[in-house]
C-alpha atoms as a PDB file:
ATOM      1  CA  MET A   1      70.801  98.307  76.195  1.00  0.00           C
ATOM      2  CA  THR A   2      73.699  99.638  78.284  1.00  0.00           C
ATOM      3  CA  SER A   3      77.003  97.795  78.388  1.00  0.00           C
ATOM      4  CA  ILE A   4      78.706  96.414  81.464  1.00  0.00           C
ATOM      5  CA  ARG A   5      81.334  99.142  81.028  1.00  0.00           C
ATOM      6  CA  ASP A   6      78.609 101.798  81.093  1.00  0.00           C
ATOM      7  CA  ASN A   7      76.971 100.186  84.113  1.00  0.00           C
ATOM      8  CA  LEU A   8      80.262 100.155  86.012  1.00  0.00           C
ATOM      9  CA  ALA A   9      80.912 103.806  85.199  1.00  0.00           C
ATOM     10  CA  GLU A  10      77.457 104.747  86.473  1.00  0.00           C
ATOM     11  CA  ILE A  11      77.877 102.775  89.694  1.00  0.00           C
ATOM     12  CA  GLN A  12      81.317 104.225  90.363  1.00  0.00           C
ATOM     13  CA  GLU A  13      79.873 107.702  89.889  1.00  0.00           C
ATOM     14  CA  LYS A  14      77.134 106.916  92.415  1.00  0.00           C
ATOM     15  CA  ILE A  15      79.734 105.583  94.857  1.00  0.00           C
ATOM     16  CA  HIS A  16      81.739 108.803  94.504  1.00  0.00           C
ATOM     17  CA  THR A  17      78.615 110.923  94.999  1.00  0.00           C
ATOM     18  CA  ALA A  18      77.422 108.975  98.046  1.00  0.00           C
ATOM     19  CA  ALA A  19      80.880 109.160  99.617  1.00  0.00           C
ATOM     20  CA  ALA A  20      81.305 112.859  98.885  1.00  0.00           C
ATOM     21  CA  ASN A  21      77.887 113.667 100.322  1.00  0.00           C
ATOM     22  CA  CYS A  22      78.884 112.249 103.703  1.00  0.00           C
ATOM     23  CA  GLY A  23      82.505 113.406 103.740  1.00  0.00           C
ATOM     24  CA  ARG A  24      84.082 110.037 102.973  1.00  0.00           C
ATOM     25  CA  ASN A  25      86.912 109.175 100.593  1.00  0.00           C
ATOM     26  CA  PRO A  26      85.546 107.125  97.666  1.00  0.00           C
ATOM     27  CA  ALA A  27      88.862 105.248  97.597  1.00  0.00           C
ATOM     28  CA  ASP A  28      87.895 103.662 100.931  1.00  0.00           C
ATOM     29  CA  ILE A  29      84.960 101.878  99.294  1.00  0.00           C
ATOM     30  CA  THR A  30      85.436  98.723  97.214  1.00  0.00           C
ATOM     31  CA  LEU A  31      82.890  97.643  94.639  1.00  0.00           C
ATOM     32  CA  VAL A  32      82.416  93.871  94.625  1.00  0.00           C
ATOM     33  CA  GLY A  33      80.680  92.690  91.468  1.00  0.00           C
ATOM     34  CA  VAL A  34      78.325  89.841  92.298  1.00  0.00           C
ATOM     35  CA  SER A  35      78.637  87.470  89.368  1.00  0.00           C
ATOM     36  CA  LYS A  36      76.581  84.491  90.562  1.00  0.00           C
ATOM     37  CA  LYS A  37      74.508  82.915  87.779  1.00  0.00           C
ATOM     38  CA  HIS A  38      76.323  85.025  85.193  1.00  0.00           C
ATOM     39  CA  GLY A  39      78.681  83.521  82.647  1.00  0.00           C
ATOM     40  CA  THR A  40      82.395  84.041  82.296  1.00  0.00           C
ATOM     41  CA  GLU A  41      81.947  86.226  79.205  1.00  0.00           C
ATOM     42  CA  LYS A  42      80.203  88.917  81.256  1.00  0.00           C
ATOM     43  CA  MET A  43      82.797  88.539  83.993  1.00  0.00           C
ATOM     44  CA  HIS A  44      85.611  89.056  81.482  1.00  0.00           C
ATOM     45  CA  GLN A  45      83.839  92.180  80.208  1.00  0.00           C
ATOM     46  CA  ALA A  46      83.632  93.558  83.741  1.00  0.00           C
ATOM     47  CA  ILE A  47      87.309  92.824  84.447  1.00  0.00           C
ATOM     48  CA  ASP A  48      88.299  94.428  81.140  1.00  0.00           C
ATOM     49  CA  ALA A  49      86.260  97.487  82.147  1.00  0.00           C
ATOM     50  CA  GLY A  50      88.246  97.812  85.369  1.00  0.00           C
ATOM     51  CA  LEU A  51      86.347  95.756  87.950  1.00  0.00           C
ATOM     52  CA  THR A  52      88.914  94.333  90.368  1.00  0.00           C
ATOM     53  CA  ASP A  53      86.730  92.400  92.818  1.00  0.00           C
ATOM     54  CA  LEU A  54      84.180  89.671  92.100  1.00  0.00           C
ATOM     55  CA  GLY A  55      81.809  87.921  94.499  1.00  0.00           C
ATOM     56  CA  GLU A  56      80.323  84.442  94.190  1.00  0.00           C
ATOM     57  CA  ASN A  57      77.658  82.657  96.235  1.00  0.00           C
ATOM     58  CA  TYR A  58      77.947  78.994  95.302  1.00  0.00           C
ATOM     59  CA  ILE A  59      81.148  76.987  95.685  1.00  0.00           C
ATOM     60  CA  GLN A  60      80.904  74.654  92.693  1.00  0.00           C
ATOM     61  CA  GLU A  61      79.809  77.402  90.299  1.00  0.00           C
ATOM     62  CA  ALA A  62      82.586  79.618  91.603  1.00  0.00           C
ATOM     63  CA  VAL A  63      85.299  76.963  91.325  1.00  0.00           C
ATOM     64  CA  ASP A  64      84.402  76.297  87.694  1.00  0.00           C
ATOM     65  CA  LYS A  65      84.400  79.984  86.797  1.00  0.00           C
ATOM     66  CA  ILE A  66      87.565  80.900  88.685  1.00  0.00           C
ATOM     67  CA  ASP A  67      89.380  77.988  87.037  1.00  0.00           C
ATOM     68  CA  ALA A  68      88.217  79.304  83.657  1.00  0.00           C
ATOM     69  CA  ILE A  69      88.987  82.978  84.301  1.00  0.00           C
ATOM     70  CA  GLY A  70      92.120  82.643  86.391  1.00  0.00           C
ATOM     71  CA  ARG A  71      92.830  82.972  90.076  1.00  0.00           C
ATOM     72  CA  GLN A  72      94.900  86.129  89.509  1.00  0.00           C
ATOM     73  CA  ALA A  73      92.365  87.881  87.270  1.00  0.00           C
ATOM     74  CA  ALA A  74      90.508  89.455  90.203  1.00  0.00           C
ATOM     75  CA  ARG A  75      90.200  89.476  93.967  1.00  0.00           C
ATOM     76  CA  TRP A  76      87.615  86.817  94.780  1.00  0.00           C
ATOM     77  CA  HIS A  77      85.014  87.185  97.529  1.00  0.00           C
ATOM     78  CA  PHE A  78      82.824  84.374  98.816  1.00  0.00           C
ATOM     79  CA  ILE A  79      79.525  85.940  99.843  1.00  0.00           C
ATOM     80  CA  GLY A  80      77.144  82.971 100.090  1.00  0.00           C
ATOM     81  CA  HIS A  81      76.290  80.573 102.891  1.00  0.00           C
ATOM     82  CA  LEU A  82      79.300  78.341 103.475  1.00  0.00           C
ATOM     83  CA  GLN A  83      79.003  74.795 104.764  1.00  0.00           C
ATOM     84  CA  SER A  84      81.923  73.400 106.732  1.00  0.00           C
ATOM     85  CA  ASN A  85      82.402  70.562 104.250  1.00  0.00           C
ATOM     86  CA  LYS A  86      83.044  73.118 101.486  1.00  0.00           C
ATOM     87  CA  ALA A  87      85.503  75.193 103.509  1.00  0.00           C
ATOM     88  CA  ARG A  88      88.568  73.743 101.783  1.00  0.00           C
ATOM     89  CA  PHE A  89      87.370  75.018  98.402  1.00  0.00           C
ATOM     90  CA  ALA A  90      86.632  78.464  99.818  1.00  0.00           C
ATOM     91  CA  VAL A  91      90.127  78.620 101.289  1.00  0.00           C
ATOM     92  CA  GLN A  92      91.761  77.466  98.054  1.00  0.00           C
ATOM     93  CA  TYR A  93      89.901  79.899  95.801  1.00  0.00           C
ATOM     94  CA  PHE A  94      88.855  83.012  97.720  1.00  0.00           C
ATOM     95  CA  ASP A  95      90.745  86.011  99.039  1.00  0.00           C
ATOM     96  CA  LEU A  96      87.988  87.046 101.463  1.00  0.00           C
ATOM     97  CA  ILE A  97      85.146  84.990 102.934  1.00  0.00           C
ATOM     98  CA  HIS A  98      82.328  87.294 104.048  1.00  0.00           C
ATOM     99  CA  THR A  99      80.017  84.792 105.694  1.00  0.00           C
ATOM    100  CA  VAL A 100      81.636  83.211 108.753  1.00  0.00           C
ATOM    101  CA  ASP A 101      78.902  82.946 111.362  1.00  0.00           C
ATOM    102  CA  LYS A 102      79.820  80.033 113.635  1.00  0.00           C
ATOM    103  CA  LEU A 103      82.850  78.903 115.586  1.00  0.00           C
ATOM    104  CA  LYS A 104      82.629  75.436 113.990  1.00  0.00           C
ATOM    105  CA  LEU A 105      82.961  76.985 110.519  1.00  0.00           C
ATOM    106  CA  ALA A 106      85.828  79.239 111.608  1.00  0.00           C
ATOM    107  CA  LYS A 107      87.648  76.236 113.039  1.00  0.00           C
ATOM    108  CA  GLU A 108      87.302  74.313 109.782  1.00  0.00           C
ATOM    109  CA  ILE A 109      88.484  77.270 107.682  1.00  0.00           C
ATOM    110  CA  ASP A 110      91.507  77.607 109.961  1.00  0.00           C
ATOM    111  CA  LYS A 111      92.227  73.877 109.588  1.00  0.00           C
ATOM    112  CA  GLN A 112      92.049  74.037 105.799  1.00  0.00           C
ATOM    113  CA  ALA A 113      94.127  77.225 105.642  1.00  0.00           C
ATOM    114  CA  LYS A 114      96.830  75.608 107.761  1.00  0.00           C
ATOM    115  CA  LYS A 115      97.101  72.772 105.219  1.00  0.00           C
ATOM    116  CA  ILE A 116      98.123  75.187 102.472  1.00  0.00           C
ATOM    117  CA  GLU A 117     100.027  77.600 104.748  1.00  0.00           C
ATOM    118  CA  LYS A 118      97.592  80.446 104.169  1.00  0.00           C
ATOM    119  CA  ARG A 119      96.162  83.113 106.457  1.00  0.00           C
ATOM    120  CA  GLN A 120      92.562  83.298 105.306  1.00  0.00           C
ATOM    121  CA  LYS A 121      90.880  86.691 105.462  1.00  0.00           C
ATOM    122  CA  ILE A 122      87.313  86.547 106.774  1.00  0.00           C
ATOM    123  CA  LEU A 123      84.382  88.691 107.845  1.00  0.00           C
ATOM    124  CA  LEU A 124      81.805  87.739 110.450  1.00  0.00           C
ATOM    125  CA  GLN A 125      78.244  87.688 109.138  1.00  0.00           C
ATOM    126  CA  VAL A 126      75.657  89.225 111.468  1.00  0.00           C
ATOM    127  CA  ASN A 127      71.980  88.325 111.134  1.00  0.00           C
ATOM    128  CA  ILE A 128      71.136  91.964 111.576  1.00  0.00           C
ATOM    129  CA  ALA A 129      67.322  91.581 111.409  1.00  0.00           C
ATOM    130  CA  GLU A 130      67.257  88.209 113.214  1.00  0.00           C
ATOM    131  CA  GLU A 131      65.527  86.593 110.253  1.00  0.00           C
ATOM    132  CA  GLU A 132      64.970  82.843 110.500  1.00  0.00           C
ATOM    133  CA  THR A 133      65.609  82.428 106.769  1.00  0.00           C
ATOM    134  CA  LYS A 134      69.073  84.048 106.864  1.00  0.00           C
ATOM    135  CA  SER A 135      72.407  82.931 108.232  1.00  0.00           C
ATOM    136  CA  GLY A 136      74.510  84.987 110.575  1.00  0.00           C
ATOM    137  CA  ALA A 137      75.526  85.302 114.183  1.00  0.00           C
ATOM    138  CA  GLY A 138      73.228  87.205 116.486  1.00  0.00           C
ATOM    139  CA  ALA A 139      74.223  90.768 117.308  1.00  0.00           C
ATOM    140  CA  HIS A 140      74.669  89.715 120.940  1.00  0.00           C
ATOM    141  CA  GLU A 141      76.942  86.800 119.953  1.00  0.00           C
ATOM    142  CA  VAL A 142      79.327  88.403 117.520  1.00  0.00           C
ATOM    143  CA  ILE A 143      81.726  90.018 120.028  1.00  0.00           C
ATOM    144  CA  ASP A 144      82.359  86.655 121.696  1.00  0.00           C
ATOM    145  CA  LEU A 145      82.680  84.998 118.286  1.00  0.00           C
ATOM    146  CA  ALA A 146      85.260  87.578 117.235  1.00  0.00           C
ATOM    147  CA  GLY A 147      87.294  86.868 120.358  1.00  0.00           C
ATOM    148  CA  GLU A 148      87.353  83.165 119.579  1.00  0.00           C
ATOM    149  CA  VAL A 149      88.090  83.638 115.889  1.00  0.00           C
ATOM    150  CA  MET A 150      91.077  85.860 116.607  1.00  0.00           C
ATOM    151  CA  LYS A 151      92.744  83.016 118.492  1.00  0.00           C
ATOM    152  CA  PHE A 152      93.128  80.986 115.294  1.00  0.00           C
ATOM    153  CA  GLU A 153      96.593  81.184 113.774  1.00  0.00           C
ATOM    154  CA  HIS A 154      95.468  80.873 110.150  1.00  0.00           C
ATOM    155  CA  LEU A 155      92.521  83.310 110.175  1.00  0.00           C
ATOM    156  CA  GLU A 156      92.587  87.084 109.770  1.00  0.00           C
ATOM    157  CA  LEU A 157      89.438  88.864 110.870  1.00  0.00           C
ATOM    158  CA  HIS A 158      88.775  91.985 108.799  1.00  0.00           C
ATOM    159  CA  GLY A 159      85.289  93.121 109.807  1.00  0.00           C
ATOM    160  CA  LEU A 160      81.562  92.453 109.607  1.00  0.00           C
ATOM    161  CA  MET A 161      78.964  91.694 106.959  1.00  0.00           C
ATOM    162  CA  CYS A 162      75.154  91.837 106.890  1.00  0.00           C
ATOM    163  CA  MET A 163      72.185  91.414 104.573  1.00  0.00           C
ATOM    164  CA  PRO A 164      69.167  93.376 105.789  1.00  0.00           C
ATOM    165  CA  PRO A 165      65.649  92.595 104.567  1.00  0.00           C
ATOM    166  CA  TYR A 166      64.818  93.796 101.056  1.00  0.00           C
ATOM    167  CA  PHE A 167      62.861  97.037 100.854  1.00  0.00           C
ATOM    168  CA  ASP A 168      61.654  98.871  97.752  1.00  0.00           C
ATOM    169  CA  ASP A 169      62.626 102.077  99.538  1.00  0.00           C
ATOM    170  CA  PRO A 170      66.336 101.820 100.442  1.00  0.00           C
ATOM    171  CA  GLU A 171      65.820 104.287 103.287  1.00  0.00           C
ATOM    172  CA  HIS A 172      64.102 101.479 105.178  1.00  0.00           C
ATOM    173  CA  ALA A 173      67.387  99.555 105.159  1.00  0.00           C
ATOM    174  CA  ARG A 174      69.271 102.432 106.801  1.00  0.00           C
ATOM    175  CA  PRO A 175      68.583 101.409 110.434  1.00  0.00           C
ATOM    176  CA  TYR A 176      70.069  97.966 109.755  1.00  0.00           C
ATOM    177  CA  PHE A 177      73.232  99.402 108.203  1.00  0.00           C
ATOM    178  CA  ARG A 178      73.487 101.847 111.100  1.00  0.00           C
ATOM    179  CA  HIS A 179      73.083  98.962 113.543  1.00  0.00           C
ATOM    180  CA  LEU A 180      75.986  97.034 111.981  1.00  0.00           C
ATOM    181  CA  ALA A 181      78.186 100.118 112.227  1.00  0.00           C
ATOM    182  CA  LYS A 182      77.167 100.463 115.879  1.00  0.00           C
ATOM    183  CA  ILE A 183      78.095  96.828 116.547  1.00  0.00           C
ATOM    184  CA  ARG A 184      81.506  97.542 115.054  1.00  0.00           C
ATOM    185  CA  GLU A 185      81.940 100.484 117.417  1.00  0.00           C
ATOM    186  CA  GLN A 186      80.878  98.332 120.370  1.00  0.00           C
ATOM    187  CA  MET A 187      83.464  95.741 119.381  1.00  0.00           C
ATOM    188  CA  LEU A 188      86.188  98.366 119.199  1.00  0.00           C
ATOM    189  CA  ASP A 189      85.135  99.676 122.612  1.00  0.00           C
ATOM    190  CA  ALA A 190      85.335  96.095 123.906  1.00  0.00           C
ATOM    191  CA  GLY A 191      88.964  95.910 122.831  1.00  0.00           C
ATOM    192  CA  VAL A 192      88.777  94.217 119.447  1.00  0.00           C
ATOM    193  CA  ASP A 193      91.781  95.340 117.389  1.00  0.00           C
ATOM    194  CA  LYS A 194      90.836  98.068 114.903  1.00  0.00           C
ATOM    195  CA  ASN A 195      92.646  96.164 112.126  1.00  0.00           C
ATOM    196  CA  ALA A 196      90.172  93.338 112.673  1.00  0.00           C
ATOM    197  CA  MET A 197      87.291  95.742 112.119  1.00  0.00           C
ATOM    198  CA  THR A 198      88.466  97.408 108.905  1.00  0.00           C
ATOM    199  CA  HIS A 199      85.477  96.479 106.767  1.00  0.00           C
ATOM    200  CA  LEU A 200      81.711  96.695 106.787  1.00  0.00           C
ATOM    201  CA  SER A 201      80.335  94.621 103.904  1.00  0.00           C
ATOM    202  CA  MET A 202      76.817  95.917 103.327  1.00  0.00           C
ATOM    203  CA  GLY A 203      74.702  97.352 100.558  1.00  0.00           C
ATOM    204  CA  MET A 204      73.552  95.866  97.251  1.00  0.00           C
ATOM    205  CA  SER A 205      72.366  97.155  93.867  1.00  0.00           C
ATOM    206  CA  HIS A 206      69.320  99.017  95.178  1.00  0.00           C
ATOM    207  CA  ASP A 207      70.631 100.377  98.485  1.00  0.00           C
ATOM    208  CA  PHE A 208      74.416 100.713  98.325  1.00  0.00           C
ATOM    209  CA  SER A 209      74.324 104.521  98.415  1.00  0.00           C
ATOM    210  CA  VAL A 210      72.536 104.413 101.771  1.00  0.00           C
ATOM    211  CA  ALA A 211      74.989 101.752 103.005  1.00  0.00           C
ATOM    212  CA  ILE A 212      77.923 103.992 102.070  1.00  0.00           C
ATOM    213  CA  GLN A 213      76.398 106.847 104.046  1.00  0.00           C
ATOM    214  CA  GLU A 214      76.311 104.509 107.061  1.00  0.00           C
ATOM    215  CA  GLY A 215      79.920 103.358 106.709  1.00  0.00           C
ATOM    216  CA  ALA A 216      80.083 100.526 104.171  1.00  0.00           C
ATOM    217  CA  THR A 217      83.562  99.772 102.852  1.00  0.00           C
ATOM    218  CA  LEU A 218      82.529  96.835 100.632  1.00  0.00           C
ATOM    219  CA  VAL A 219      79.360  97.075  98.524  1.00  0.00           C
ATOM    220  CA  ARG A 220      78.078  93.961  96.766  1.00  0.00           C
ATOM    221  CA  VAL A 221      76.471  94.876  93.446  1.00  0.00           C
ATOM    222  CA  GLY A 222      75.203  92.345  90.923  1.00  0.00           C
ATOM    223  CA  THR A 223      72.126  93.234  88.895  1.00  0.00           C
ATOM    224  CA  ALA A 224      73.154  96.865  88.375  1.00  0.00           C
ATOM    225  CA  ILE A 225      76.382  95.648  86.746  1.00  0.00           C
ATOM    226  CA  PHE A 226      75.496  92.422  84.982  1.00  0.00           C
ATOM    227  CA  GLY A 227      71.754  92.745  84.430  1.00  0.00           C
ATOM    228  CA  THR A 228      69.055  90.246  85.304  1.00  0.00           C
ATOM    229  CA  ARG A 229      70.286  86.721  85.967  1.00  0.00           C
ATOM    230  CA  SER A 230      69.450  84.069  83.401  1.00  0.00           C
END
């Protein structure tokens, strides 16, 4: 059985290889370890092995674990579906929220961030395959949503996020990653500030190499680091 340290080393090597193969700087790609349903012991092991960024999907689970591990122990990413009534916890605990998909949610995050004098970093989630079972703004809606979000004083837009359908062959996910990158380019052409489009959060354990080739700057990897969830 490989250790979390070994797993991280292997993933970082794959990130370097994928970046090098397409002429990108590996330093421009951040590995976010997805620790949902894993205990704090494994999370401590990953941090000790050099993992700097951790992603959680469920607010209550995340709050308990971040309280136990320490707010300063890592950069914390919220990557799950966020309900407006949980926005205050997301603002209090997370450095970057990946899953803003509606103006109502953005407004609530801004409201909660104002209360604690914080500028909350966010990404806009795009429902890249228009799946009924997944959250996200439509590709045709996201430019307008970005324009509205950037009016809020306590939000900082930093890019886009997507979750394509799962495929056994990661090559089948490539068109979806390419589409998100194209949306980003369209937004830049439409006048969205380039600083607001810094990141593309896309790619998971089985397809992050393909995502990197298509421009990912944040890859969300869980199973390949921590093993199968209990």
